[in-house]
């Protein structure tokens, strides 16, 4: 959503530029008016199209801005046989998660399911390596469970003491 306004401003500027060119061109008035109306009609259609795409998964092959990402945290996944692998990924350096679709691959789906079971068993997160690279190396898993989080120290802080309940009638 952060780039929607900027992209809409660019679309409006481009449409305005085209309308200006159409107005100053040596054409008949009807053609000039038609070009201006089409340019004005383009602006809300472009906004509606961009806003509609916000909730849809982006095919992973179309990612170019974050294509060099080394790893991503998998926040959610859905497998649809013969359709695709839908992933909700938190990429390093991005404020909000992104929704992607990978093409269906039986081996990748098995690998994802295995990593999800392992992450659930260890109560840890799930991550993915090289999310936007088509890797031919089948030896290295793309999905893996994160290491189990470190447990807090037993002793705690030196000043920490167990909580003691004192009944209101016990002032001594």
C-alpha atoms as a PDB file:
ATOM      1  CA  UNK A   1       0.000   0.000   0.000  1.00  0.00           C
ATOM      2  CA  UNK A   2       2.935   2.322   0.577  1.00  0.00           C
ATOM      3  CA  UNK A   3       3.649   2.706  -3.157  1.00  0.00           C
ATOM      4  CA  UNK A   4       0.059   2.991  -4.371  1.00  0.00           C
ATOM      5  CA  UNK A   5      -0.099   6.766  -4.028  1.00  0.00           C
ATOM      6  CA  UNK A   6       3.264   7.288  -5.733  1.00  0.00           C
ATOM      7  CA  UNK A   7       2.299   5.032  -8.648  1.00  0.00           C
ATOM      8  CA  UNK A   8      -1.034   6.814  -9.006  1.00  0.00           C
ATOM      9  CA  UNK A   9       0.715  10.203  -9.098  1.00  0.00           C
ATOM     10  CA  UNK A  10       2.978   8.929 -11.892  1.00  0.00           C
ATOM     11  CA  UNK A  11      -0.053   7.612 -13.820  1.00  0.00           C
ATOM     12  CA  UNK A  12      -1.854  10.952 -13.455  1.00  0.00           C
ATOM     13  CA  UNK A  13       1.212  12.907 -14.593  1.00  0.00           C
ATOM     14  CA  UNK A  14       1.632  10.656 -17.632  1.00  0.00           C
ATOM     15  CA  UNK A  15      -2.051  10.880 -18.530  1.00  0.00           C
ATOM     16  CA  UNK A  16      -1.933  14.658 -18.063  1.00  0.00           C
ATOM     17  CA  UNK A  17       1.105  14.867 -20.323  1.00  0.00           C
ATOM     18  CA  UNK A  18      -0.671  12.868 -23.010  1.00  0.00           C
ATOM     19  CA  UNK A  19      -3.747  15.095 -22.687  1.00  0.00           C
ATOM     20  CA  UNK A  20      -1.572  18.207 -23.019  1.00  0.00           C
ATOM     21  CA  UNK A  21       0.111  16.811 -26.131  1.00  0.00           C
ATOM     22  CA  UNK A  22      -3.304  15.987 -27.575  1.00  0.00           C
ATOM     23  CA  UNK A  23      -4.600  19.507 -26.909  1.00  0.00           C
ATOM     24  CA  UNK A  24      -1.641  21.172 -28.635  1.00  0.00           C
ATOM     25  CA  UNK A  25      -1.513  18.796 -31.590  1.00  0.00           C
ATOM     26  CA  UNK A  26      -2.668  20.021 -35.012  1.00  0.00           C
ATOM     27  CA  UNK A  27      -5.803  17.837 -35.092  1.00  0.00           C
ATOM     28  CA  UNK A  28      -9.533  18.438 -35.266  1.00  0.00           C
ATOM     29  CA  UNK A  29     -11.290  19.546 -32.085  1.00  0.00           C
ATOM     30  CA  UNK A  30     -13.262  16.294 -31.828  1.00  0.00           C
ATOM     31  CA  UNK A  31     -10.056  14.209 -31.814  1.00  0.00           C
ATOM     32  CA  UNK A  32      -8.478  16.514 -29.215  1.00  0.00           C
ATOM     33  CA  UNK A  33     -11.555  16.297 -26.976  1.00  0.00           C
ATOM     34  CA  UNK A  34     -11.631  12.502 -27.338  1.00  0.00           C
ATOM     35  CA  UNK A  35      -7.959  12.256 -26.302  1.00  0.00           C
ATOM     36  CA  UNK A  36      -8.576  14.406 -23.227  1.00  0.00           C
ATOM     37  CA  UNK A  37     -11.657  12.348 -22.209  1.00  0.00           C
ATOM     38  CA  UNK A  38      -9.691   9.095 -22.621  1.00  0.00           C
ATOM     39  CA  UNK A  39      -6.826  10.520 -20.529  1.00  0.00           C
ATOM     40  CA  UNK A  40      -9.231  11.592 -17.786  1.00  0.00           C
ATOM     41  CA  UNK A  41     -10.940   8.180 -17.870  1.00  0.00           C
ATOM     42  CA  UNK A  42      -7.580   6.433 -17.591  1.00  0.00           C
ATOM     43  CA  UNK A  43      -6.829   7.950 -14.160  1.00  0.00           C
ATOM     44  CA  UNK A  44      -9.592   6.292 -12.050  1.00  0.00           C
ATOM     45  CA  UNK A  45      -9.256   3.024 -13.979  1.00  0.00           C
ATOM     46  CA  UNK A  46      -5.523   2.919 -13.221  1.00  0.00           C
ATOM     47  CA  UNK A  47      -6.193   3.584  -9.527  1.00  0.00           C
ATOM     48  CA  UNK A  48      -8.902   0.922  -9.324  1.00  0.00           C
ATOM     49  CA  UNK A  49      -6.652  -1.602 -11.043  1.00  0.00           C
ATOM     50  CA  UNK A  50      -3.741  -0.939  -8.717  1.00  0.00           C
ATOM     51  CA  UNK A  51      -5.966  -1.017  -5.619  1.00  0.00           C
ATOM     52  CA  UNK A  52      -7.508  -4.320  -6.715  1.00  0.00           C
ATOM     53  CA  UNK A  53      -4.090  -5.905  -7.166  1.00  0.00           C
ATOM     54  CA  UNK A  54      -3.121  -5.131  -3.567  1.00  0.00           C
ATOM     55  CA  UNK A  55      -4.987  -8.131  -2.172  1.00  0.00           C
ATOM     56  CA  UNK A  56      -3.919 -10.629  -4.818  1.00  0.00           C
ATOM     57  CA  UNK A  57      -0.792 -12.794  -4.692  1.00  0.00           C
ATOM     58  CA  UNK A  58       2.053 -11.665  -6.872  1.00  0.00           C
ATOM     59  CA  UNK A  59       3.522 -14.394  -9.064  1.00  0.00           C
ATOM     60  CA  UNK A  60       7.038 -14.913  -7.789  1.00  0.00           C
ATOM     61  CA  UNK A  61       8.474 -14.623 -11.315  1.00  0.00           C
ATOM     62  CA  UNK A  62       7.292 -11.005 -11.495  1.00  0.00           C
ATOM     63  CA  UNK A  63       9.219  -9.863  -8.414  1.00  0.00           C
ATOM     64  CA  UNK A  64      12.055  -7.618  -9.531  1.00  0.00           C
ATOM     65  CA  UNK A  65      12.466  -5.097  -6.724  1.00  0.00           C
ATOM     66  CA  UNK A  66      13.262  -7.654  -3.984  1.00  0.00           C
ATOM     67  CA  UNK A  67      14.673 -10.311  -6.331  1.00  0.00           C
ATOM     68  CA  UNK A  68      18.077 -10.373  -4.603  1.00  0.00           C
ATOM     69  CA  UNK A  69      16.632 -11.346  -1.193  1.00  0.00           C
ATOM     70  CA  UNK A  70      18.701 -14.072   0.472  1.00  0.00           C
ATOM     71  CA  UNK A  71      15.972 -15.330   2.789  1.00  0.00           C
ATOM     72  CA  UNK A  72      12.465 -14.607   3.966  1.00  0.00           C
ATOM     73  CA  UNK A  73      10.411 -15.448   7.021  1.00  0.00           C
ATOM     74  CA  UNK A  74       7.350 -17.524   6.083  1.00  0.00           C
ATOM     75  CA  UNK A  75       4.361 -16.177   8.012  1.00  0.00           C
ATOM     76  CA  UNK A  76       1.765 -18.338   6.307  1.00  0.00           C
ATOM     77  CA  UNK A  77       1.427 -20.870   3.513  1.00  0.00           C
ATOM     78  CA  UNK A  78      -1.338 -22.557   1.589  1.00  0.00           C
ATOM     79  CA  UNK A  79      -0.900 -25.430  -0.842  1.00  0.00           C
ATOM     80  CA  UNK A  80      -3.337 -25.822  -3.731  1.00  0.00           C
ATOM     81  CA  UNK A  81      -2.586 -28.924  -5.729  1.00  0.00           C
ATOM     82  CA  UNK A  82      -1.996 -28.295  -9.451  1.00  0.00           C
ATOM     83  CA  UNK A  83      -2.566 -24.567  -8.876  1.00  0.00           C
ATOM     84  CA  UNK A  84       0.249 -23.145  -6.776  1.00  0.00           C
ATOM     85  CA  UNK A  85       1.954 -22.604  -3.454  1.00  0.00           C
ATOM     86  CA  UNK A  86       0.722 -19.416  -1.807  1.00  0.00           C
ATOM     87  CA  UNK A  87       3.139 -17.779   0.631  1.00  0.00           C
ATOM     88  CA  UNK A  88       2.904 -14.827   2.966  1.00  0.00           C
ATOM     89  CA  UNK A  89       6.536 -13.692   3.319  1.00  0.00           C
ATOM     90  CA  UNK A  90       8.255 -11.136   5.532  1.00  0.00           C
ATOM     91  CA  UNK A  91      11.320  -9.992   3.618  1.00  0.00           C
ATOM     92  CA  UNK A  92      14.317  -8.362   5.273  1.00  0.00           C
ATOM     93  CA  UNK A  93      14.110  -4.583   5.037  1.00  0.00           C
ATOM     94  CA  UNK A  94      10.371  -4.398   4.332  1.00  0.00           C
ATOM     95  CA  UNK A  95       7.873  -2.983   6.776  1.00  0.00           C
ATOM     96  CA  UNK A  96       4.951  -5.204   5.848  1.00  0.00           C
ATOM     97  CA  UNK A  97       4.654  -8.801   4.624  1.00  0.00           C
ATOM     98  CA  UNK A  98       4.023  -9.616   0.957  1.00  0.00           C
ATOM     99  CA  UNK A  99       1.781 -12.222  -0.648  1.00  0.00           C
ATOM    100  CA  UNK A 100       3.309 -14.411  -3.376  1.00  0.00           C
ATOM    101  CA  UNK A 101       2.363 -17.388  -5.520  1.00  0.00           C
ATOM    102  CA  UNK A 102       4.850 -20.043  -6.605  1.00  0.00           C
ATOM    103  CA  UNK A 103       3.987 -22.416  -9.431  1.00  0.00           C
ATOM    104  CA  UNK A 104       2.866 -25.858  -8.269  1.00  0.00           C
ATOM    105  CA  UNK A 105       5.720 -28.280  -7.627  1.00  0.00           C
ATOM    106  CA  UNK A 106       5.062 -31.562  -5.822  1.00  0.00           C
ATOM    107  CA  UNK A 107       8.588 -31.795  -4.359  1.00  0.00           C
ATOM    108  CA  UNK A 108       8.525 -28.192  -3.151  1.00  0.00           C
ATOM    109  CA  UNK A 109       5.130 -28.778  -1.524  1.00  0.00           C
ATOM    110  CA  UNK A 110       6.449 -31.856   0.306  1.00  0.00           C
ATOM    111  CA  UNK A 111       9.487 -29.890   1.460  1.00  0.00           C
ATOM    112  CA  UNK A 112       7.267 -27.067   2.737  1.00  0.00           C
ATOM    113  CA  UNK A 113       4.977 -29.468   4.595  1.00  0.00           C
ATOM    114  CA  UNK A 114       7.952 -31.194   6.229  1.00  0.00           C
ATOM    115  CA  UNK A 115       9.441 -27.864   7.326  1.00  0.00           C
ATOM    116  CA  UNK A 116       6.053 -26.743   8.681  1.00  0.00           C
ATOM    117  CA  UNK A 117       5.756 -29.942  10.763  1.00  0.00           C
ATOM    118  CA  UNK A 118       9.286 -29.487  12.103  1.00  0.00           C
ATOM    119  CA  UNK A 119       8.637 -25.826  12.972  1.00  0.00           C
ATOM    120  CA  UNK A 120       5.431 -26.767  14.776  1.00  0.00           C
ATOM    121  CA  UNK A 121       7.186 -29.533  16.686  1.00  0.00           C
ATOM    122  CA  UNK A 122       9.991 -27.232  17.852  1.00  0.00           C
ATOM    123  CA  UNK A 123       7.623 -24.257  18.285  1.00  0.00           C
ATOM    124  CA  UNK A 124       9.803 -22.067  16.119  1.00  0.00           C
ATOM    125  CA  UNK A 125       9.330 -20.094  12.934  1.00  0.00           C
ATOM    126  CA  UNK A 126       9.653 -21.069   9.315  1.00  0.00           C
ATOM    127  CA  UNK A 127      12.033 -19.509   6.785  1.00  0.00           C
ATOM    128  CA  UNK A 128      12.828 -19.765   3.097  1.00  0.00           C
ATOM    129  CA  UNK A 129      16.161 -19.347   1.320  1.00  0.00           C
ATOM    130  CA  UNK A 130      16.473 -17.537  -2.010  1.00  0.00           C
ATOM    131  CA  UNK A 131      12.724 -16.994  -2.400  1.00  0.00           C
ATOM    132  CA  UNK A 132      12.908 -15.462  -5.889  1.00  0.00           C
ATOM    133  CA  UNK A 133      15.612 -17.585  -7.482  1.00  0.00           C
ATOM    134  CA  UNK A 134      14.806 -20.568  -9.663  1.00  0.00           C
ATOM    135  CA  UNK A 135      17.281 -23.014  -8.185  1.00  0.00           C
ATOM    136  CA  UNK A 136      18.262 -26.218  -9.932  1.00  0.00           C
ATOM    137  CA  UNK A 137      20.075 -27.418  -6.806  1.00  0.00           C
ATOM    138  CA  UNK A 138      17.708 -29.924  -5.218  1.00  0.00           C
ATOM    139  CA  UNK A 139      20.199 -30.870  -2.488  1.00  0.00           C
ATOM    140  CA  UNK A 140      19.631 -27.758  -0.393  1.00  0.00           C
ATOM    141  CA  UNK A 141      16.131 -27.332   1.043  1.00  0.00           C
ATOM    142  CA  UNK A 142      14.391 -24.032   0.286  1.00  0.00           C
ATOM    143  CA  UNK A 143      12.205 -24.197   3.415  1.00  0.00           C
ATOM    144  CA  UNK A 144      13.512 -24.844   6.891  1.00  0.00           C
ATOM    145  CA  UNK A 145      12.435 -24.505  10.501  1.00  0.00           C
ATOM    146  CA  UNK A 146      14.206 -21.786  12.441  1.00  0.00           C
ATOM    147  CA  UNK A 147      16.224 -22.810  15.485  1.00  0.00           C
ATOM    148  CA  UNK A 148      14.247 -23.114  18.678  1.00  0.00           C
ATOM    149  CA  UNK A 149      14.281 -19.835  20.624  1.00  0.00           C
ATOM    150  CA  UNK A 150      16.646 -19.664  23.579  1.00  0.00           C
ATOM    151  CA  UNK A 151      14.978 -20.248  26.914  1.00  0.00           C
ATOM    152  CA  UNK A 152      15.352 -17.568  29.599  1.00  0.00           C
ATOM    153  CA  UNK A 153      18.113 -18.010  32.166  1.00  0.00           C
ATOM    154  CA  UNK A 154      17.085 -19.948  35.266  1.00  0.00           C
ATOM    155  CA  UNK A 155      18.656 -17.599  37.777  1.00  0.00           C
ATOM    156  CA  UNK A 156      17.210 -14.484  36.235  1.00  0.00           C
ATOM    157  CA  UNK A 157      18.453 -11.078  37.271  1.00  0.00           C
ATOM    158  CA  UNK A 158      20.328 -10.927  40.588  1.00  0.00           C
ATOM    159  CA  UNK A 159      17.725  -8.555  42.030  1.00  0.00           C
ATOM    160  CA  UNK A 160      14.785 -10.746  41.022  1.00  0.00           C
ATOM    161  CA  UNK A 161      13.073 -12.475  43.887  1.00  0.00           C
ATOM    162  CA  UNK A 162      10.028 -14.701  43.888  1.00  0.00           C
ATOM    163  CA  UNK A 163       6.771 -12.888  44.409  1.00  0.00           C
ATOM    164  CA  UNK A 164       5.333 -13.305  47.865  1.00  0.00           C
ATOM    165  CA  UNK A 165       1.724 -12.764  48.725  1.00  0.00           C
ATOM    166  CA  UNK A 166       1.028 -11.006  51.992  1.00  0.00           C
ATOM    167  CA  UNK A 167      -2.493 -11.097  53.304  1.00  0.00           C
ATOM    168  CA  UNK A 168      -3.847  -7.617  54.114  1.00  0.00           C
ATOM    169  CA  UNK A 169      -4.163  -8.539  57.786  1.00  0.00           C
ATOM    170  CA  UNK A 170      -0.504  -9.520  58.007  1.00  0.00           C
ATOM    171  CA  UNK A 171       1.459  -6.316  58.520  1.00  0.00           C
ATOM    172  CA  UNK A 172       4.232  -7.854  60.566  1.00  0.00           C
END
